[in-house]
Amino acid sequence: MMLPVLLVAAGVAVDGAERARATRVAHTVAAEAARAGCEEGSAAQLVGQDGSGAARAAAELSARAAKADRLSQLVITVDGDAVSVVTEVTRPTRLLALIGLTEVHGQASEVCTLVAR
């Protein structure tokens, strides 16, 4: 009778750690992409150009180059001087798959402001 309870408890511990890893990867990718977007966009603004296209392209390139395991969502928004990056990373479960939960998700969003350097 205690075996199912122990398996669920172990699953929550093991797969909870997997969710934490997914969230950490999502934050890392979002932060790096936002930083890359702001740097590229700011450089364009410095020479008097609209930096939004360059910011979006650099942010997407950075996120795709990260090759994050199971990057399931990437949304990049450039609104005025703000670059916003939203990511989601999906990871498979190990023990909770026994009760039908096959994946965990980690989400993150980062925003930075374009400033001409």
C-alpha atoms as a PDB file:
ATOM      1  CA  MET A   1       0.000   0.000   0.000  1.00  0.00           C
ATOM      2  CA  MET A   2       2.858   2.383   0.713  1.00  0.00           C
ATOM      3  CA  LEU A   3       4.686   1.610  -2.543  1.00  0.00           C
ATOM      4  CA  PRO A   4       2.500   3.867  -4.766  1.00  0.00           C
ATOM      5  CA  VAL A   5       2.828   6.718  -2.264  1.00  0.00           C
ATOM      6  CA  LEU A   6       6.615   6.301  -2.163  1.00  0.00           C
ATOM      7  CA  LEU A   7       6.814   6.206  -5.965  1.00  0.00           C
ATOM      8  CA  VAL A   8       4.782   9.413  -6.291  1.00  0.00           C
ATOM      9  CA  ALA A   9       6.902  11.114  -3.620  1.00  0.00           C
ATOM     10  CA  ALA A  10      10.096  10.049  -5.378  1.00  0.00           C
ATOM     11  CA  GLY A  11       8.624  11.186  -8.695  1.00  0.00           C
ATOM     12  CA  VAL A  12       7.813  14.613  -7.305  1.00  0.00           C
ATOM     13  CA  ALA A  13      11.361  14.947  -5.984  1.00  0.00           C
ATOM     14  CA  VAL A  14      13.154  13.694  -9.106  1.00  0.00           C
ATOM     15  CA  ASP A  15      10.884  15.314 -11.681  1.00  0.00           C
ATOM     16  CA  GLY A  16      10.595  18.476  -9.599  1.00  0.00           C
ATOM     17  CA  ALA A  17      14.353  18.804  -9.976  1.00  0.00           C
ATOM     18  CA  GLU A  18      13.925  18.251 -13.721  1.00  0.00           C
ATOM     19  CA  ARG A  19      11.398  21.107 -13.819  1.00  0.00           C
ATOM     20  CA  ALA A  20      13.868  23.323 -11.957  1.00  0.00           C
ATOM     21  CA  ARG A  21      16.495  22.486 -14.587  1.00  0.00           C
ATOM     22  CA  ALA A  22      14.050  23.347 -17.369  1.00  0.00           C
ATOM     23  CA  THR A  23      13.276  26.683 -15.715  1.00  0.00           C
ATOM     24  CA  ARG A  24      16.983  27.446 -15.278  1.00  0.00           C
ATOM     25  CA  VAL A  25      17.669  26.704 -18.953  1.00  0.00           C
ATOM     26  CA  ALA A  26      14.676  28.829 -20.004  1.00  0.00           C
ATOM     27  CA  HIS A  27      15.963  31.770 -17.919  1.00  0.00           C
ATOM     28  CA  THR A  28      19.478  31.410 -19.295  1.00  0.00           C
ATOM     29  CA  VAL A  29      18.304  31.343 -22.915  1.00  0.00           C
ATOM     30  CA  ALA A  30      15.887  34.254 -22.403  1.00  0.00           C
ATOM     31  CA  ALA A  31      18.503  36.401 -20.656  1.00  0.00           C
ATOM     32  CA  GLU A  32      21.177  35.717 -23.268  1.00  0.00           C
ATOM     33  CA  ALA A  33      18.775  36.394 -26.136  1.00  0.00           C
ATOM     34  CA  ALA A  34      17.536  39.644 -24.581  1.00  0.00           C
ATOM     35  CA  ARG A  35      21.107  40.786 -23.959  1.00  0.00           C
ATOM     36  CA  ALA A  36      22.149  39.963 -27.514  1.00  0.00           C
ATOM     37  CA  GLY A  37      19.109  41.763 -28.887  1.00  0.00           C
ATOM     38  CA  CYS A  38      19.777  44.874 -26.834  1.00  0.00           C
ATOM     39  CA  GLU A  39      23.442  44.991 -27.753  1.00  0.00           C
ATOM     40  CA  GLU A  40      22.734  44.694 -31.473  1.00  0.00           C
ATOM     41  CA  GLY A  41      19.789  47.081 -31.402  1.00  0.00           C
ATOM     42  CA  SER A  42      21.707  49.643 -29.373  1.00  0.00           C
ATOM     43  CA  ALA A  43      24.577  49.563 -31.852  1.00  0.00           C
ATOM     44  CA  ALA A  44      22.143  50.279 -34.706  1.00  0.00           C
ATOM     45  CA  GLN A  45      20.578  53.143 -32.751  1.00  0.00           C
ATOM     46  CA  LEU A  46      23.999  54.626 -32.164  1.00  0.00           C
ATOM     47  CA  VAL A  47      24.450  55.204 -35.885  1.00  0.00           C
ATOM     48  CA  GLY A  48      20.942  56.619 -36.227  1.00  0.00           C
ATOM     49  CA  GLN A  49      19.124  53.527 -37.514  1.00  0.00           C
ATOM     50  CA  ASP A  50      16.038  51.806 -36.160  1.00  0.00           C
ATOM     51  CA  GLY A  51      17.449  49.044 -33.992  1.00  0.00           C
ATOM     52  CA  SER A  52      14.300  46.944 -33.680  1.00  0.00           C
ATOM     53  CA  GLY A  53      14.968  44.660 -36.655  1.00  0.00           C
ATOM     54  CA  ALA A  54      18.571  44.095 -35.643  1.00  0.00           C
ATOM     55  CA  ALA A  55      17.511  43.478 -32.042  1.00  0.00           C
ATOM     56  CA  ARG A  56      14.919  40.876 -33.049  1.00  0.00           C
ATOM     57  CA  ALA A  57      17.328  39.077 -35.398  1.00  0.00           C
ATOM     58  CA  ALA A  58      20.146  38.992 -32.842  1.00  0.00           C
ATOM     59  CA  ALA A  59      17.847  37.766 -30.075  1.00  0.00           C
ATOM     60  CA  GLU A  60      16.489  34.961 -32.233  1.00  0.00           C
ATOM     61  CA  LEU A  61      19.949  33.967 -33.431  1.00  0.00           C
ATOM     62  CA  SER A  62      21.205  33.860 -29.851  1.00  0.00           C
ATOM     63  CA  ALA A  63      18.286  31.743 -28.638  1.00  0.00           C
ATOM     64  CA  ARG A  64      18.538  29.297 -31.541  1.00  0.00           C
ATOM     65  CA  ALA A  65      22.321  29.065 -31.185  1.00  0.00           C
ATOM     66  CA  ALA A  66      21.952  28.126 -27.517  1.00  0.00           C
ATOM     67  CA  LYS A  67      20.552  24.797 -28.713  1.00  0.00           C
ATOM     68  CA  ALA A  68      18.562  24.533 -25.512  1.00  0.00           C
ATOM     69  CA  ASP A  69      17.339  21.016 -25.023  1.00  0.00           C
ATOM     70  CA  ARG A  70      13.647  20.984 -25.913  1.00  0.00           C
ATOM     71  CA  LEU A  71      13.116  24.720 -26.405  1.00  0.00           C
ATOM     72  CA  SER A  72       9.394  24.532 -27.078  1.00  0.00           C
ATOM     73  CA  GLN A  73       8.490  28.219 -27.186  1.00  0.00           C
ATOM     74  CA  LEU A  74      10.346  31.344 -28.205  1.00  0.00           C
ATOM     75  CA  VAL A  75       8.566  34.687 -28.464  1.00  0.00           C
ATOM     76  CA  ILE A  76      10.572  37.826 -29.179  1.00  0.00           C
ATOM     77  CA  THR A  77       8.853  41.192 -29.044  1.00  0.00           C
ATOM     78  CA  VAL A  78      10.487  44.516 -29.810  1.00  0.00           C
ATOM     79  CA  ASP A  79       8.252  47.372 -28.698  1.00  0.00           C
ATOM     80  CA  GLY A  80       9.851  50.780 -28.932  1.00  0.00           C
ATOM     81  CA  ASP A  81      13.083  50.534 -26.984  1.00  0.00           C
ATOM     82  CA  ALA A  82      12.175  47.333 -25.118  1.00  0.00           C
ATOM     83  CA  VAL A  83      13.211  43.836 -26.182  1.00  0.00           C
ATOM     84  CA  SER A  84      11.154  41.113 -24.536  1.00  0.00           C
ATOM     85  CA  VAL A  85      12.018  37.421 -24.800  1.00  0.00           C
ATOM     86  CA  VAL A  86       9.750  34.636 -23.539  1.00  0.00           C
ATOM     87  CA  THR A  87      10.985  31.052 -23.553  1.00  0.00           C
ATOM     88  CA  GLU A  88       9.641  27.694 -22.529  1.00  0.00           C
ATOM     89  CA  VAL A  89      11.663  24.516 -22.173  1.00  0.00           C
ATOM     90  CA  THR A  90      10.008  21.105 -22.040  1.00  0.00           C
ATOM     91  CA  ARG A  91      11.738  18.133 -20.419  1.00  0.00           C
ATOM     92  CA  PRO A  92      10.579  14.530 -20.136  1.00  0.00           C
ATOM     93  CA  THR A  93       9.722  13.131 -16.718  1.00  0.00           C
ATOM     94  CA  ARG A  94      11.346  10.035 -15.321  1.00  0.00           C
ATOM     95  CA  LEU A  95       9.127   8.691 -12.575  1.00  0.00           C
ATOM     96  CA  LEU A  96       5.916  10.666 -12.967  1.00  0.00           C
ATOM     97  CA  ALA A  97       5.549   9.143 -16.429  1.00  0.00           C
ATOM     98  CA  LEU A  98       4.328   6.070 -14.576  1.00  0.00           C
ATOM     99  CA  ILE A  99       1.157   7.961 -13.648  1.00  0.00           C
ATOM    100  CA  GLY A 100       0.712   9.702 -16.990  1.00  0.00           C
ATOM    101  CA  LEU A 101       2.679  12.958 -16.522  1.00  0.00           C
ATOM    102  CA  THR A 102       5.207  12.711 -19.330  1.00  0.00           C
ATOM    103  CA  GLU A 103       6.727  16.213 -19.360  1.00  0.00           C
ATOM    104  CA  VAL A 104       7.506  19.186 -17.193  1.00  0.00           C
ATOM    105  CA  HIS A 105       7.835  22.774 -18.403  1.00  0.00           C
ATOM    106  CA  GLY A 106       9.998  25.678 -17.360  1.00  0.00           C
ATOM    107  CA  GLN A 107       9.115  29.193 -18.495  1.00  0.00           C
ATOM    108  CA  ALA A 108      10.998  32.460 -18.337  1.00  0.00           C
ATOM    109  CA  SER A 109      10.716  35.991 -19.635  1.00  0.00           C
ATOM    110  CA  GLU A 110      13.322  38.712 -19.778  1.00  0.00           C
ATOM    111  CA  VAL A 111      13.085  42.342 -20.859  1.00  0.00           C
ATOM    112  CA  CYS A 112      15.841  44.810 -21.617  1.00  0.00           C
ATOM    113  CA  THR A 113      15.892  48.354 -22.915  1.00  0.00           C
ATOM    114  CA  LEU A 114      17.774  49.530 -25.979  1.00  0.00           C
ATOM    115  CA  VAL A 115      20.206  52.284 -25.093  1.00  0.00           C
ATOM    116  CA  ALA A 116      22.493  53.801 -27.713  1.00  0.00           C
ATOM    117  CA  ARG A 117      26.051  53.037 -26.679  1.00  0.00           C
END
